[in-house]
C-alpha atoms as a PDB file:
ATOM      1  CA  LEU A   1      -0.087   0.061   0.028  1.00  0.00           C
ATOM      2  CA  LYS A   2       2.631   2.334   0.824  1.00  0.00           C
ATOM      3  CA  THR A   3       4.494   1.628  -2.563  1.00  0.00           C
ATOM      4  CA  SER A   4       1.345   2.485  -4.273  1.00  0.00           C
ATOM      5  CA  PHE A   5       0.877   5.775  -2.616  1.00  0.00           C
ATOM      6  CA  VAL A   6       4.612   6.539  -3.319  1.00  0.00           C
ATOM      7  CA  HIS A   7       4.093   5.760  -7.069  1.00  0.00           C
ATOM      8  CA  ALA A   8       1.048   7.735  -7.411  1.00  0.00           C
ATOM      9  CA  ARG A   9       2.551  10.819  -5.530  1.00  0.00           C
ATOM     10  CA  ARG A  10       5.420  10.561  -8.050  1.00  0.00           C
ATOM     11  CA  ALA A  11       3.295  10.408 -10.981  1.00  0.00           C
ATOM     12  CA  VAL A  12       1.053  13.349  -9.565  1.00  0.00           C
ATOM     13  CA  GLU A  13       4.178  15.497  -8.793  1.00  0.00           C
ATOM     14  CA  SER A  14       5.725  14.655 -12.563  1.00  0.00           C
ATOM     15  CA  VAL A  15       2.548  16.432 -14.395  1.00  0.00           C
ATOM     16  CA  PRO A  16       3.515  19.889 -15.298  1.00  0.00           C
ATOM     17  CA  ASP A  17       1.163  22.575 -14.623  1.00  0.00           C
ATOM     18  CA  ALA A  18       0.991  23.438 -18.209  1.00  0.00           C
ATOM     19  CA  ASP A  19      -0.408  19.789 -18.918  1.00  0.00           C
ATOM     20  CA  LEU A  20      -3.130  19.794 -16.644  1.00  0.00           C
ATOM     21  CA  ASP A  21      -5.748  21.072 -19.011  1.00  0.00           C
ATOM     22  CA  LYS A  22      -4.522  18.453 -21.623  1.00  0.00           C
ATOM     23  CA  SER A  23      -7.223  15.956 -22.997  1.00  0.00           C
ATOM     24  CA  VAL A  24      -6.703  12.303 -22.232  1.00  0.00           C
ATOM     25  CA  LYS A  25      -8.907   9.233 -22.602  1.00  0.00           C
ATOM     26  CA  PHE A  26     -10.335   7.513 -19.811  1.00  0.00           C
ATOM     27  CA  PHE A  27     -12.677   4.667 -20.551  1.00  0.00           C
ATOM     28  CA  GLY A  28     -13.864   6.190 -23.633  1.00  0.00           C
ATOM     29  CA  THR A  29     -14.406   9.492 -22.462  1.00  0.00           C
ATOM     30  CA  ASP A  30     -12.393  12.891 -22.624  1.00  0.00           C
ATOM     31  CA  LYS A  31     -10.840  14.103 -19.500  1.00  0.00           C
ATOM     32  CA  THR A  32      -8.334  16.444 -18.493  1.00  0.00           C
ATOM     33  CA  GLU A  33      -5.158  15.727 -16.625  1.00  0.00           C
ATOM     34  CA  ARG A  34      -6.529  17.721 -13.750  1.00  0.00           C
ATOM     35  CA  GLN A  35      -9.841  15.894 -13.855  1.00  0.00           C
ATOM     36  CA  MET A  36      -7.725  12.641 -13.428  1.00  0.00           C
ATOM     37  CA  LEU A  37      -5.591  14.057 -10.631  1.00  0.00           C
ATOM     38  CA  ILE A  38      -8.954  14.846  -8.796  1.00  0.00           C
ATOM     39  CA  LEU A  39     -10.546  11.357  -9.735  1.00  0.00           C
ATOM     40  CA  ILE A  40      -7.363   9.922  -8.048  1.00  0.00           C
ATOM     41  CA  LEU A  41      -7.703  12.068  -4.962  1.00  0.00           C
ATOM     42  CA  ASN A  42     -11.493  11.175  -4.758  1.00  0.00           C
ATOM     43  CA  HIS A  43     -10.833   7.474  -5.410  1.00  0.00           C
ATOM     44  CA  ALA A  44      -8.246   7.360  -2.308  1.00  0.00           C
ATOM     45  CA  HIS A  45     -10.884   9.350  -0.282  1.00  0.00           C
ATOM     46  CA  GLU A  46     -13.221   6.588  -1.010  1.00  0.00           C
ATOM     47  CA  HIS A  47     -11.053   3.830   0.142  1.00  0.00           C
ATOM     48  CA  LEU A  48     -10.221   5.600   3.382  1.00  0.00           C
ATOM     49  CA  GLY A  49     -13.783   6.004   4.337  1.00  0.00           C
ATOM     50  CA  GLN A  50     -14.358   2.284   3.510  1.00  0.00           C
ATOM     51  CA  SER A  51     -11.333   1.263   5.550  1.00  0.00           C
ATOM     52  CA  ILE A  52     -12.489   3.435   8.475  1.00  0.00           C
ATOM     53  CA  ALA A  53     -16.216   1.877   8.344  1.00  0.00           C
ATOM     54  CA  TYR A  54     -14.328  -1.652   8.354  1.00  0.00           C
ATOM     55  CA  ALA A  55     -12.420  -0.920  11.328  1.00  0.00           C
ATOM     56  CA  ARG A  56     -15.317   0.513  13.101  1.00  0.00           C
ATOM     57  CA  VAL A  57     -17.482  -2.383  12.548  1.00  0.00           C
ATOM     58  CA  ASN A  58     -14.526  -4.501  14.145  1.00  0.00           C
ATOM     59  CA  GLY A  59     -14.292  -2.301  17.154  1.00  0.00           C
ATOM     60  CA  VAL A  60     -11.246  -0.208  16.158  1.00  0.00           C
ATOM     61  CA  ALA A  61     -11.706   3.612  16.103  1.00  0.00           C
ATOM     62  CA  PRO A  62      -8.936   5.582  13.814  1.00  0.00           C
ATOM     63  CA  PRO A  63      -6.500   7.398  16.462  1.00  0.00           C
ATOM     64  CA  TRP A  64      -7.741  10.904  15.283  1.00  0.00           C
ATOM     65  CA  SER A  65     -11.387  10.302  16.087  1.00  0.00           C
ATOM     66  CA  GLU A  66     -11.112   8.847  19.325  1.00  0.00           C
ATOM     67  CA  GLY A  67     -10.396  12.372  20.960  1.00  0.00           C
ATOM     68  CA  ALA A  68      -7.742  13.738  23.294  1.00  0.00           C
ATOM     69  CA  PRO A  69      -6.449  11.511  25.816  1.00  0.00           C
ATOM     70  CA  PRO A  70      -8.136  12.334  29.497  1.00  0.00           C
ATOM     71  CA  ALA A  71      -6.238  14.625  31.611  1.00  0.00           C
ATOM     72  CA  PRO A  72      -4.483  13.109  34.471  1.00  0.00           C
ATOM     73  CA  GLU A  73      -6.369  13.401  37.910  1.00  0.00           C
ATOM     74  CA  LYS A  74      -5.109  16.203  40.032  1.00  0.00           C
ATOM     75  CA  LYS A  75      -3.996  15.070  43.474  1.00  0.00           C
ATOM     76  CA  PRO A  76      -4.826  17.310  46.261  1.00  0.00           C
ATOM     77  CA  ALA A  77      -2.156  19.779  47.471  1.00  0.00           C
ATOM     78  CA  ALA A  78      -0.112  18.721  50.367  1.00  0.00           C
ATOM     79  CA  LYS A  79      -0.692  20.590  53.512  1.00  0.00           C
END
């Protein structure tokens, strides 16, 4: 998975800004390079949502959604 994200990142970073509006074929339809990059982003986001749902069904919450850890209890001041 990490290798896939590294590959995707390198591919995205290699697209020159001047080519973002260049037309490409995607499943028989015309898209721009920009639309393809947005599609990659959206696709990764969908997989993230699926992974979160699967984890929660199995009793695992993503660390960022568990909230801050509880504050330590304060001990009464010594007299």
